[in-house]
PDB file of N, CA and C in Angstrom:
ATOM      1  N   MET A   1      68.568 -19.366  -7.819  1.00  0.00           N
ATOM      2  CA  MET A   1      69.096 -18.055  -8.139  1.00  0.00           C
ATOM      3  C   MET A   1      70.570 -17.921  -7.788  1.00  0.00           C
ATOM      4  N   GLN A   2      71.172 -18.942  -7.139  1.00  0.00           N
ATOM      5  CA  GLN A   2      72.591 -18.872  -6.820  1.00  0.00           C
ATOM      6  C   GLN A   2      73.406 -18.946  -8.097  1.00  0.00           C
ATOM      7  N   SER A   3      74.484 -18.161  -8.123  1.00  0.00           N
ATOM      8  CA  SER A   3      75.318 -18.154  -9.320  1.00  0.00           C
ATOM      9  C   SER A   3      76.733 -17.732  -8.964  1.00  0.00           C
ATOM     10  N   GLU A   4      77.626 -17.846  -9.925  1.00  0.00           N
ATOM     11  CA  GLU A   4      79.016 -17.416  -9.745  1.00  0.00           C
ATOM     12  C   GLU A   4      79.106 -15.907  -9.569  1.00  0.00           C
ATOM     13  N   THR A   5      78.110 -15.170 -10.038  1.00  0.00           N
ATOM     14  CA  THR A   5      78.144 -13.711  -9.935  1.00  0.00           C
ATOM     15  C   THR A   5      77.415 -13.190  -8.699  1.00  0.00           C
ATOM     16  N   GLY A   6      76.837 -14.068  -7.903  1.00  0.00           N
ATOM     17  CA  GLY A   6      76.138 -13.651  -6.692  1.00  0.00           C
ATOM     18  C   GLY A   6      77.104 -13.076  -5.662  1.00  0.00           C
ATOM     19  N   VAL A   7      76.631 -12.105  -4.895  1.00  0.00           N
ATOM     20  CA  VAL A   7      77.470 -11.471  -3.869  1.00  0.00           C
ATOM     21  C   VAL A   7      76.703 -11.342  -2.561  1.00  0.00           C
ATOM     22  N   ILE A   8      77.452 -11.318  -1.474  1.00  0.00           N
ATOM     23  CA  ILE A   8      76.905 -10.950  -0.173  1.00  0.00           C
ATOM     24  C   ILE A   8      77.221  -9.465   0.013  1.00  0.00           C
ATOM     25  N   ILE A   9      76.195  -8.672   0.245  1.00  0.00           N
ATOM     26  CA  ILE A   9      76.375  -7.232   0.455  1.00  0.00           C
ATOM     27  C   ILE A   9      76.201  -6.958   1.934  1.00  0.00           C
ATOM     28  N   ILE A  10      77.211  -6.346   2.543  1.00  0.00           N
ATOM     29  CA  ILE A  10      77.141  -5.985   3.961  1.00  0.00           C
ATOM     30  C   ILE A  10      77.057  -4.471   4.029  1.00  0.00           C
ATOM     31  N   ASP A  11      76.009  -3.978   4.675  1.00  0.00           N
ATOM     32  CA  ASP A  11      75.736  -2.542   4.722  1.00  0.00           C
ATOM     33  C   ASP A  11      75.705  -2.074   6.167  1.00  0.00           C
ATOM     34  N   ASP A  12      76.424  -1.013   6.447  1.00  0.00           N
ATOM     35  CA  ASP A  12      76.480  -0.386   7.766  1.00  0.00           C
ATOM     36  C   ASP A  12      75.712   0.926   7.653  1.00  0.00           C
ATOM     37  N   SER A  13      74.565   1.037   8.316  1.00  0.00           N
ATOM     38  CA  SER A  13      73.710   2.218   8.177  1.00  0.00           C
ATOM     39  C   SER A  13      73.356   2.802   9.536  1.00  0.00           C
ATOM     40  N   ILE A  14      72.927   4.059   9.507  1.00  0.00           N
ATOM     41  CA  ILE A  14      72.453   4.743  10.714  1.00  0.00           C
ATOM     42  C   ILE A  14      71.098   5.361  10.401  1.00  0.00           C
ATOM     43  N   GLU A  15      70.122   5.057  11.231  1.00  0.00           N
ATOM     44  CA  GLU A  15      68.815   5.708  11.156  1.00  0.00           C
ATOM     45  C   GLU A  15      68.820   6.799  12.221  1.00  0.00           C
ATOM     46  N   GLU A  16      68.826   8.053  11.773  1.00  0.00           N
ATOM     47  CA  GLU A  16      68.919   9.165  12.722  1.00  0.00           C
ATOM     48  C   GLU A  16      67.670   9.263  13.600  1.00  0.00           C
ATOM     49  N   LYS A  17      67.903   9.527  14.877  1.00  0.00           N
ATOM     50  CA  LYS A  17      66.845   9.727  15.868  1.00  0.00           C
ATOM     51  C   LYS A  17      67.257  10.922  16.743  1.00  0.00           C
ATOM     52  N   PRO A  18      67.266  12.136  16.177  1.00  0.00           N
ATOM     53  CA  PRO A  18      67.799  13.285  16.905  1.00  0.00           C
ATOM     54  C   PRO A  18      66.997  13.691  18.141  1.00  0.00           C
ATOM     55  N   TYR A  19      65.721  13.323  18.214  1.00  0.00           N
ATOM     56  CA  TYR A  19      64.866  13.770  19.317  1.00  0.00           C
ATOM     57  C   TYR A  19      64.584  12.679  20.340  1.00  0.00           C
ATOM     58  N   THR A  20      65.168  11.495  20.159  1.00  0.00           N
ATOM     59  CA  THR A  20      64.956  10.384  21.077  1.00  0.00           C
ATOM     60  C   THR A  20      65.995  10.423  22.188  1.00  0.00           C
ATOM     61  N   ASP A  21      65.591  10.060  23.397  1.00  0.00           N
ATOM     62  CA  ASP A  21      66.540  10.019  24.514  1.00  0.00           C
ATOM     63  C   ASP A  21      67.635   9.004  24.229  1.00  0.00           C
ATOM     64  N   GLU A  22      68.838   9.328  24.665  1.00  0.00           N
ATOM     65  CA  GLU A  22      69.988   8.459  24.437  1.00  0.00           C
ATOM     66  C   GLU A  22      69.926   7.232  25.342  1.00  0.00           C
ATOM     67  N   ASN A  23      70.286   6.061  24.758  1.00  0.00           N
ATOM     68  CA  ASN A  23      70.397   4.818  25.513  1.00  0.00           C
ATOM     69  C   ASN A  23      71.433   3.944  24.814  1.00  0.00           C
ATOM     70  N   GLU A  24      71.462   2.643  25.102  1.00  0.00           N
ATOM     71  CA  GLU A  24      72.481   1.759  24.519  1.00  0.00           C
ATOM     72  C   GLU A  24      72.310   1.573  23.015  1.00  0.00           C
ATOM     73  N   ILE A  25      71.086   1.676  22.509  1.00  0.00           N
ATOM     74  CA  ILE A  25      70.821   1.487  21.082  1.00  0.00           C
ATOM     75  C   ILE A  25      70.788   2.830  20.355  1.00  0.00           C
ATOM     76  N   VAL A  26      70.047   3.791  20.903  1.00  0.00           N
ATOM     77  CA  VAL A  26      69.986   5.132  20.313  1.00  0.00           C
ATOM     78  C   VAL A  26      71.078   5.963  20.977  1.00  0.00           C
ATOM     79  N   CYS A  27      72.163   6.148  20.263  1.00  0.00           N
ATOM     80  CA  CYS A  27      73.286   6.912  20.811  1.00  0.00           C
ATOM     81  C   CYS A  27      74.067   7.531  19.655  1.00  0.00           C
ATOM     82  N   TRP A  28      75.197   8.103  19.954  1.00  0.00           N
ATOM     83  CA  TRP A  28      75.982   8.812  18.952  1.00  0.00           C
ATOM     84  C   TRP A  28      76.866   7.847  18.173  1.00  0.00           C
ATOM     85  N   HIS A  29      76.819   7.992  16.839  1.00  0.00           N
ATOM     86  CA  HIS A  29      77.618   7.171  15.926  1.00  0.00           C
ATOM     87  C   HIS A  29      78.234   8.090  14.877  1.00  0.00           C
ATOM     88  N   TYR A  30      79.413   7.728  14.386  1.00  0.00           N
ATOM     89  CA  TYR A  30      80.033   8.523  13.333  1.00  0.00           C
ATOM     90  C   TYR A  30      79.431   8.127  11.990  1.00  0.00           C
ATOM     91  N   ASP A  31      78.889   9.109  11.268  1.00  0.00           N
ATOM     92  CA  ASP A  31      78.295   8.887   9.950  1.00  0.00           C
ATOM     93  C   ASP A  31      79.314   9.331   8.898  1.00  0.00           C
ATOM     94  N   HIS A  32      79.883   8.365   8.172  1.00  0.00           N
ATOM     95  CA  HIS A  32      80.914   8.667   7.189  1.00  0.00           C
ATOM     96  C   HIS A  32      80.372   9.468   6.012  1.00  0.00           C
ATOM     97  N   SER A  33      79.104   9.310   5.684  1.00  0.00           N
ATOM     98  CA  SER A  33      78.540  10.062   4.564  1.00  0.00           C
ATOM     99  C   SER A  33      78.361  11.537   4.911  1.00  0.00           C
ATOM    100  N   LYS A  34      78.179  11.853   6.201  1.00  0.00           N
ATOM    101  CA  LYS A  34      78.015  13.237   6.637  1.00  0.00           C
ATOM    102  C   LYS A  34      79.280  13.795   7.290  1.00  0.00           C
ATOM    103  N   GLU A  35      80.246  12.909   7.527  1.00  0.00           N
ATOM    104  CA  GLU A  35      81.525  13.256   8.154  1.00  0.00           C
ATOM    105  C   GLU A  35      81.335  13.953   9.507  1.00  0.00           C
ATOM    106  N   ARG A  36      80.394  13.424  10.300  1.00  0.00           N
ATOM    107  CA  ARG A  36      80.160  13.942  11.651  1.00  0.00           C
ATOM    108  C   ARG A  36      79.399  12.894  12.453  1.00  0.00           C
ATOM    109  N   ASN A  37      79.319  13.112  13.760  1.00  0.00           N
ATOM    110  CA  ASN A  37      78.554  12.218  14.626  1.00  0.00           C
ATOM    111  C   ASN A  37      77.077  12.581  14.545  1.00  0.00           C
ATOM    112  N   VAL A  38      76.232  11.566  14.539  1.00  0.00           N
ATOM    113  CA  VAL A  38      74.783  11.759  14.552  1.00  0.00           C
ATOM    114  C   VAL A  38      74.193  10.836  15.610  1.00  0.00           C
ATOM    115  N   LYS A  39      73.072  11.265  16.198  1.00  0.00           N
ATOM    116  CA  LYS A  39      72.389  10.424  17.178  1.00  0.00           C
ATOM    117  C   LYS A  39      71.364   9.573  16.443  1.00  0.00           C
ATOM    118  N   GLY A  40      71.436   8.259  16.682  1.00  0.00           N
ATOM    119  CA  GLY A  40      70.499   7.377  16.017  1.00  0.00           C
ATOM    120  C   GLY A  40      70.784   5.920  16.308  1.00  0.00           C
ATOM    121  N   ILE A  41      70.194   5.060  15.488  1.00  0.00           N
ATOM    122  CA  ILE A  41      70.349   3.616  15.616  1.00  0.00           C
ATOM    123  C   ILE A  41      71.290   3.147  14.509  1.00  0.00           C
ATOM    124  N   ASN A  42      72.375   2.496  14.901  1.00  0.00           N
ATOM    125  CA  ASN A  42      73.351   1.957  13.943  1.00  0.00           C
ATOM    126  C   ASN A  42      73.081   0.470  13.779  1.00  0.00           C
ATOM    127  N   PHE A  43      72.991   0.018  12.519  1.00  0.00           N
ATOM    128  CA  PHE A  43      72.741  -1.394  12.267  1.00  0.00           C
ATOM    129  C   PHE A  43      73.544  -1.863  11.060  1.00  0.00           C
ATOM    130  N   VAL A  44      73.870  -3.149  11.062  1.00  0.00           N
ATOM    131  CA  VAL A  44      74.607  -3.783   9.979  1.00  0.00           C
ATOM    132  C   VAL A  44      73.712  -4.883   9.412  1.00  0.00           C
ATOM    133  N   THR A  45      73.536  -4.872   8.096  1.00  0.00           N
ATOM    134  CA  THR A  45      72.693  -5.869   7.446  1.00  0.00           C
ATOM    135  C   THR A  45      73.479  -6.588   6.357  1.00  0.00           C
ATOM    136  N   SER A  46      72.980  -7.769   5.980  1.00  0.00           N
ATOM    137  CA  SER A  46      73.588  -8.485   4.861  1.00  0.00           C
ATOM    138  C   SER A  46      72.493  -9.004   3.937  1.00  0.00           C
ATOM    139  N   LEU A  47      72.787  -8.934   2.640  1.00  0.00           N
ATOM    140  CA  LEU A  47      71.883  -9.409   1.600  1.00  0.00           C
ATOM    141  C   LEU A  47      72.665 -10.307   0.654  1.00  0.00           C
ATOM    142  N   TYR A  48      72.001 -11.308   0.102  1.00  0.00           N
ATOM    143  CA  TYR A  48      72.578 -12.075  -0.990  1.00  0.00           C
ATOM    144  C   TYR A  48      71.922 -11.559  -2.253  1.00  0.00           C
ATOM    145  N   SER A  49      72.729 -11.124  -3.230  1.00  0.00           N
ATOM    146  CA  SER A  49      72.202 -10.574  -4.467  1.00  0.00           C
ATOM    147  C   SER A  49      72.716 -11.375  -5.654  1.00  0.00           C
ATOM    148  N   SER A  50      71.774 -11.787  -6.520  1.00  0.00           N
ATOM    149  CA  SER A  50      72.127 -12.558  -7.712  1.00  0.00           C
ATOM    150  C   SER A  50      71.010 -12.426  -8.730  1.00  0.00           C
ATOM    151  N   HIS A  51      71.360 -12.234  -9.982  1.00  0.00           N
ATOM    152  CA  HIS A  51      70.403 -12.158 -11.084  1.00  0.00           C
ATOM    153  C   HIS A  51      69.309 -11.122 -10.829  1.00  0.00           C
ATOM    154  N   GLY A  52      69.657  -9.984 -10.227  1.00  0.00           N
ATOM    155  CA  GLY A  52      68.688  -8.918  -9.991  1.00  0.00           C
ATOM    156  C   GLY A  52      67.766  -9.137  -8.810  1.00  0.00           C
ATOM    157  N   VAL A  53      67.979 -10.198  -8.056  1.00  0.00           N
ATOM    158  CA  VAL A  53      67.155 -10.491  -6.882  1.00  0.00           C
ATOM    159  C   VAL A  53      68.036 -10.380  -5.638  1.00  0.00           C
ATOM    160  N   SER A  54      67.539  -9.703  -4.608  1.00  0.00           N
ATOM    161  CA  SER A  54      68.267  -9.589  -3.342  1.00  0.00           C
ATOM    162  C   SER A  54      67.440 -10.185  -2.222  1.00  0.00           C
ATOM    163  N   LEU A  55      68.083 -11.047  -1.433  1.00  0.00           N
ATOM    164  CA  LEU A  55      67.408 -11.700  -0.311  1.00  0.00           C
ATOM    165  C   LEU A  55      68.135 -11.366   0.987  1.00  0.00           C
ATOM    166  N   PRO A  56      67.395 -11.002   2.049  1.00  0.00           N
ATOM    167  CA  PRO A  56      68.052 -10.716   3.325  1.00  0.00           C
ATOM    168  C   PRO A  56      68.669 -11.973   3.922  1.00  0.00           C
ATOM    169  N   VAL A  57      69.846 -11.798   4.509  1.00  0.00           N
ATOM    170  CA  VAL A  57      70.543 -12.910   5.147  1.00  0.00           C
ATOM    171  C   VAL A  57      70.656 -12.683   6.655  1.00  0.00           C
ATOM    172  N   GLY A  58      70.992 -11.451   7.061  1.00  0.00           N
ATOM    173  CA  GLY A  58      71.182 -11.187   8.484  1.00  0.00           C
ATOM    174  C   GLY A  58      71.043  -9.717   8.833  1.00  0.00           C
ATOM    175  N   PHE A  59      70.936  -9.457  10.141  1.00  0.00           N
ATOM    176  CA  PHE A  59      70.696  -8.116  10.664  1.00  0.00           C
ATOM    177  C   PHE A  59      71.306  -8.042  12.065  1.00  0.00           C
ATOM    178  N   HIS A  60      72.007  -6.953  12.377  1.00  0.00           N
ATOM    179  CA  HIS A  60      72.592  -6.809  13.713  1.00  0.00           C
ATOM    180  C   HIS A  60      72.508  -5.346  14.150  1.00  0.00           C
ATOM    181  N   LEU A  61      71.885  -5.096  15.305  1.00  0.00           N
ATOM    182  CA  LEU A  61      71.870  -3.760  15.897  1.00  0.00           C
ATOM    183  C   LEU A  61      73.154  -3.545  16.681  1.00  0.00           C
ATOM    184  N   ILE A  62      73.743  -2.364  16.557  1.00  0.00           N
ATOM    185  CA  ILE A  62      74.939  -2.026  17.316  1.00  0.00           C
ATOM    186  C   ILE A  62      74.482  -1.480  18.672  1.00  0.00           C
ATOM    187  N   ALA A  63      74.828  -2.175  19.737  1.00  0.00           N
ATOM    188  CA  ALA A  63      74.494  -1.733  21.096  1.00  0.00           C
ATOM    189  C   ALA A  63      75.787  -1.320  21.793  1.00  0.00           C
ATOM    190  N   LYS A  64      75.860  -0.058  22.157  1.00  0.00           N
ATOM    191  CA  LYS A  64      77.046   0.449  22.850  1.00  0.00           C
ATOM    192  C   LYS A  64      76.807   0.321  24.351  1.00  0.00           C
ATOM    193  N   THR A  65      77.172  -0.839  24.895  1.00  0.00           N
ATOM    194  CA  THR A  65      76.873  -1.166  26.282  1.00  0.00           C
ATOM    195  C   THR A  65      77.997  -0.813  27.244  1.00  0.00           C
ATOM    196  N   GLU A  66      79.188  -0.546  26.729  1.00  0.00           N
ATOM    197  CA  GLU A  66      80.323  -0.207  27.598  1.00  0.00           C
ATOM    198  C   GLU A  66      80.523   1.298  27.637  1.00  0.00           C
ATOM    199  N   THR A  67      80.852   1.812  28.811  1.00  0.00           N
ATOM    200  CA  THR A  67      81.205   3.221  28.936  1.00  0.00           C
ATOM    201  C   THR A  67      82.680   3.338  29.285  1.00  0.00           C
ATOM    202  N   TYR A  68      83.286   4.412  28.815  1.00  0.00           N
ATOM    203  CA  TYR A  68      84.694   4.678  29.103  1.00  0.00           C
ATOM    204  C   TYR A  68      84.903   6.189  29.102  1.00  0.00           C
ATOM    205  N   THR A  69      86.039   6.629  29.619  1.00  0.00           N
ATOM    206  CA  THR A  69      86.370   8.047  29.648  1.00  0.00           C
ATOM    207  C   THR A  69      87.371   8.343  28.545  1.00  0.00           C
ATOM    208  N   ASP A  70      87.022   9.282  27.667  1.00  0.00           N
ATOM    209  CA  ASP A  70      87.907   9.697  26.582  1.00  0.00           C
ATOM    210  C   ASP A  70      89.098  10.429  27.195  1.00  0.00           C
ATOM    211  N   THR A  71      90.309   9.965  26.879  1.00  0.00           N
ATOM    212  CA  THR A  71      91.509  10.546  27.499  1.00  0.00           C
ATOM    213  C   THR A  71      91.750  11.983  27.061  1.00  0.00           C
ATOM    214  N   LYS A  72      91.345  12.360  25.843  1.00  0.00           N
ATOM    215  CA  LYS A  72      91.562  13.733  25.367  1.00  0.00           C
ATOM    216  C   LYS A  72      90.586  14.722  25.989  1.00  0.00           C
ATOM    217  N   THR A  73      89.298  14.368  25.993  1.00  0.00           N
ATOM    218  CA  THR A  73      88.268  15.304  26.443  1.00  0.00           C
ATOM    219  C   THR A  73      87.810  15.071  27.875  1.00  0.00           C
ATOM    220  N   GLN A  74      88.174  13.919  28.443  1.00  0.00           N
ATOM    221  CA  GLN A  74      87.734  13.521  29.785  1.00  0.00           C
ATOM    222  C   GLN A  74      86.215  13.384  29.880  1.00  0.00           C
ATOM    223  N   LYS A  75      85.557  13.181  28.731  1.00  0.00           N
ATOM    224  CA  LYS A  75      84.111  12.970  28.717  1.00  0.00           C
ATOM    225  C   LYS A  75      83.823  11.478  28.693  1.00  0.00           C
ATOM    226  N   GLU A  76      82.677  11.127  29.275  1.00  0.00           N
ATOM    227  CA  GLU A  76      82.258   9.727  29.253  1.00  0.00           C
ATOM    228  C   GLU A  76      81.674   9.409  27.880  1.00  0.00           C
ATOM    229  N   ARG A  77      82.098   8.304  27.314  1.00  0.00           N
ATOM    230  CA  ARG A  77      81.660   7.865  25.985  1.00  0.00           C
ATOM    231  C   ARG A  77      81.138   6.437  26.068  1.00  0.00           C
ATOM    232  N   ARG A  78      80.464   6.004  24.993  1.00  0.00           N
ATOM    233  CA  ARG A  78      79.954   4.633  24.889  1.00  0.00           C
ATOM    234  C   ARG A  78      80.692   3.915  23.762  1.00  0.00           C
ATOM    235  N   ARG A  79      80.796   2.594  23.900  1.00  0.00           N
ATOM    236  CA  ARG A  79      81.340   1.778  22.817  1.00  0.00           C
ATOM    237  C   ARG A  79      80.721   0.393  22.874  1.00  0.00           C
ATOM    238  N   SER A  80      80.771  -0.253  21.723  1.00  0.00           N
ATOM    239  CA  SER A  80      80.239  -1.603  21.608  1.00  0.00           C
ATOM    240  C   SER A  80      81.331  -2.604  21.976  1.00  0.00           C
ATOM    241  N   PRO A  81      81.000  -3.652  22.707  1.00  0.00           N
ATOM    242  CA  PRO A  81      82.006  -4.667  23.028  1.00  0.00           C
ATOM    243  C   PRO A  81      82.361  -5.547  21.828  1.00  0.00           C
ATOM    244  N   VAL A  82      81.580  -5.446  20.746  1.00  0.00           N
ATOM    245  CA  VAL A  82      81.805  -6.256  19.550  1.00  0.00           C
ATOM    246  C   VAL A  82      82.178  -5.325  18.389  1.00  0.00           C
ATOM    247  N   SER A  83      83.264  -5.630  17.688  1.00  0.00           N
ATOM    248  CA  SER A  83      83.686  -4.790  16.565  1.00  0.00           C
ATOM    249  C   SER A  83      82.810  -5.050  15.341  1.00  0.00           C
ATOM    250  N   LYS A  84      82.759  -4.076  14.439  1.00  0.00           N
ATOM    251  CA  LYS A  84      81.983  -4.260  13.212  1.00  0.00           C
ATOM    252  C   LYS A  84      82.613  -5.334  12.331  1.00  0.00           C
ATOM    253  N   ASN A  85      83.906  -5.517  12.438  1.00  0.00           N
ATOM    254  CA  ASN A  85      84.562  -6.602  11.710  1.00  0.00           C
ATOM    255  C   ASN A  85      84.025  -7.951  12.190  1.00  0.00           C
ATOM    256  N   ASP A  86      83.916  -8.124  13.508  1.00  0.00           N
ATOM    257  CA  ASP A  86      83.364  -9.366  14.058  1.00  0.00           C
ATOM    258  C   ASP A  86      81.902  -9.558  13.646  1.00  0.00           C
ATOM    259  N   ILE A  87      81.151  -8.459  13.600  1.00  0.00           N
ATOM    260  CA  ILE A  87      79.749  -8.535  13.180  1.00  0.00           C
ATOM    261  C   ILE A  87      79.662  -8.966  11.717  1.00  0.00           C
ATOM    262  N   ALA A  88      80.503  -8.387  10.865  1.00  0.00           N
ATOM    263  CA  ALA A  88      80.504  -8.755   9.445  1.00  0.00           C
ATOM    264  C   ALA A  88      80.845 -10.234   9.275  1.00  0.00           C
ATOM    265  N   ARG A  89      81.827 -10.716  10.047  1.00  0.00           N
ATOM    266  CA  ARG A  89      82.178 -12.134   9.979  1.00  0.00           C
ATOM    267  C   ARG A  89      80.997 -13.014  10.397  1.00  0.00           C
ATOM    268  N   ALA A  90      80.289 -12.601  11.446  1.00  0.00           N
ATOM    269  CA  ALA A  90      79.130 -13.372  11.909  1.00  0.00           C
ATOM    270  C   ALA A  90      78.025 -13.384  10.852  1.00  0.00           C
ATOM    271  N   LEU A  91      77.833 -12.263  10.151  1.00  0.00           N
ATOM    272  CA  LEU A  91      76.820 -12.222   9.099  1.00  0.00           C
ATOM    273  C   LEU A  91      77.203 -13.127   7.928  1.00  0.00           C
ATOM    274  N   ILE A  92      78.485 -13.193   7.613  1.00  0.00           N
ATOM    275  CA  ILE A  92      78.937 -14.101   6.552  1.00  0.00           C
ATOM    276  C   ILE A  92      78.743 -15.548   6.994  1.00  0.00           C
ATOM    277  N   GLU A  93      79.056 -15.851   8.267  1.00  0.00           N
ATOM    278  CA  GLU A  93      78.812 -17.198   8.796  1.00  0.00           C
ATOM    279  C   GLU A  93      77.331 -17.549   8.728  1.00  0.00           C
ATOM    280  N   GLN A  94      76.470 -16.556   8.969  1.00  0.00           N
ATOM    281  CA  GLN A  94      75.025 -16.772   8.863  1.00  0.00           C
ATOM    282  C   GLN A  94      74.644 -17.145   7.430  1.00  0.00           C
ATOM    283  N   ALA A  95      75.277 -16.499   6.463  1.00  0.00           N
ATOM    284  CA  ALA A  95      75.018 -16.833   5.059  1.00  0.00           C
ATOM    285  C   ALA A  95      75.396 -18.281   4.770  1.00  0.00           C
ATOM    286  N   VAL A  96      76.505 -18.720   5.317  1.00  0.00           N
ATOM    287  CA  VAL A  96      76.935 -20.112   5.125  1.00  0.00           C
ATOM    288  C   VAL A  96      75.942 -21.063   5.796  1.00  0.00           C
ATOM    289  N   ARG A  97      75.488 -20.720   7.026  1.00  0.00           N
ATOM    290  CA  ARG A  97      74.482 -21.550   7.701  1.00  0.00           C
ATOM    291  C   ARG A  97      73.173 -21.594   6.923  1.00  0.00           C
ATOM    292  N   ASN A  98      72.892 -20.524   6.179  1.00  0.00           N
ATOM    293  CA  ASN A  98      71.678 -20.480   5.348  1.00  0.00           C
ATOM    294  C   ASN A  98      71.885 -21.194   4.007  1.00  0.00           C
ATOM    295  N   ARG A  99      72.995 -21.910   3.899  1.00  0.00           N
ATOM    296  CA  ARG A  99      73.315 -22.748   2.738  1.00  0.00           C
ATOM    297  C   ARG A  99      73.595 -21.967   1.471  1.00  0.00           C
ATOM    298  N   ILE A 100      74.118 -20.756   1.629  1.00  0.00           N
ATOM    299  CA  ILE A 100      74.672 -20.062   0.476  1.00  0.00           C
ATOM    300  C   ILE A 100      76.095 -20.587   0.373  1.00  0.00           C
ATOM    301  N   PRO A 101      76.417 -21.326  -0.685  1.00  0.00           N
ATOM    302  CA  PRO A 101      77.722 -21.986  -0.751  1.00  0.00           C
ATOM    303  C   PRO A 101      78.887 -21.013  -0.614  1.00  0.00           C
ATOM    304  N   PRO A 102      79.878 -21.336   0.239  1.00  0.00           N
ATOM    305  CA  PRO A 102      81.015 -20.435   0.445  1.00  0.00           C
ATOM    306  C   PRO A 102      81.737 -20.075  -0.846  1.00  0.00           C
ATOM    307  N   ALA A 103      81.761 -20.976  -1.825  1.00  0.00           N
ATOM    308  CA  ALA A 103      82.429 -20.669  -3.091  1.00  0.00           C
ATOM    309  C   ALA A 103      81.730 -19.528  -3.819  1.00  0.00           C
ATOM    310  N   LEU A 104      80.444 -19.319  -3.512  1.00  0.00           N
ATOM    311  CA  LEU A 104      79.694 -18.261  -4.183  1.00  0.00           C
ATOM    312  C   LEU A 104      79.660 -16.968  -3.379  1.00  0.00           C
ATOM    313  N   CYS A 105      80.195 -16.978  -2.189  1.00  0.00           N
ATOM    314  CA  CYS A 105      80.106 -15.810  -1.316  1.00  0.00           C
ATOM    315  C   CYS A 105      81.236 -14.826  -1.603  1.00  0.00           C
ATOM    316  N   HIS A 106      81.085 -14.064  -2.665  1.00  0.00           N
ATOM    317  CA  HIS A 106      81.999 -12.959  -2.935  1.00  0.00           C
ATOM    318  C   HIS A 106      81.451 -11.796  -2.136  1.00  0.00           C
ATOM    319  N   VAL A 107      82.230 -11.231  -1.239  1.00  0.00           N
ATOM    320  CA  VAL A 107      81.726 -10.221  -0.319  1.00  0.00           C
ATOM    321  C   VAL A 107      82.050  -8.836  -0.840  1.00  0.00           C
ATOM    322  N   ARG A 108      81.054  -7.949  -0.794  1.00  0.00           N
ATOM    323  CA  ARG A 108      81.249  -6.560  -1.181  1.00  0.00           C
ATOM    324  C   ARG A 108      80.720  -5.702  -0.038  1.00  0.00           C
ATOM    325  N   PHE A 109      81.574  -4.827   0.504  1.00  0.00           N
ATOM    326  CA  PHE A 109      81.158  -3.951   1.581  1.00  0.00           C
ATOM    327  C   PHE A 109      80.666  -2.648   0.975  1.00  0.00           C
ATOM    328  N   MET A 110      79.551  -2.149   1.494  1.00  0.00           N
ATOM    329  CA  MET A 110      78.978  -0.921   0.973  1.00  0.00           C
ATOM    330  C   MET A 110      78.762   0.062   2.097  1.00  0.00           C
ATOM    331  N   VAL A 111      78.924   1.329   1.788  1.00  0.00           N
ATOM    332  CA  VAL A 111      78.597   2.400   2.717  1.00  0.00           C
ATOM    333  C   VAL A 111      77.439   3.158   2.105  1.00  0.00           C
ATOM    334  N   CYS A 112      76.351   3.240   2.845  1.00  0.00           N
ATOM    335  CA  CYS A 112      75.161   3.912   2.357  1.00  0.00           C
ATOM    336  C   CYS A 112      75.423   5.409   2.245  1.00  0.00           C
ATOM    337  N   GLN A 113      75.118   5.996   1.108  1.00  0.00           N
ATOM    338  CA  GLN A 113      75.274   7.426   0.892  1.00  0.00           C
ATOM    339  C   GLN A 113      73.921   8.133   0.974  1.00  0.00           C
ATOM    340  N   CYS A 114      72.966   7.545   1.727  1.00  0.00           N
ATOM    341  CA  CYS A 114      71.621   8.094   1.824  1.00  0.00           C
ATOM    342  C   CYS A 114      71.621   9.358   2.652  1.00  0.00           C
TER     343      CYS A 114
END
């Protein structure tokens, strides 16, 4: 199913969990589709899509393990020690390790509007 038109799709999504206690995985994330912060689980996934077939390649949960003090509000906040750019690169490397030829890896970033 590999082809010149195949793409790696990287998707950054949030599954809202408004009633769950906050921790390193379930915490506040900015949702670009809603233009506000929501409490939930943030994850980045990658799929290889070609000829109408999509196959999963990788999955990464965003864990905000570091705490810091926001200089404007003086409130304690959480952040991930790994950037989403680094996560996307790792997912693309995973595609290469899964033997999806690099010449065929045209990358398209998507933002879920769900």
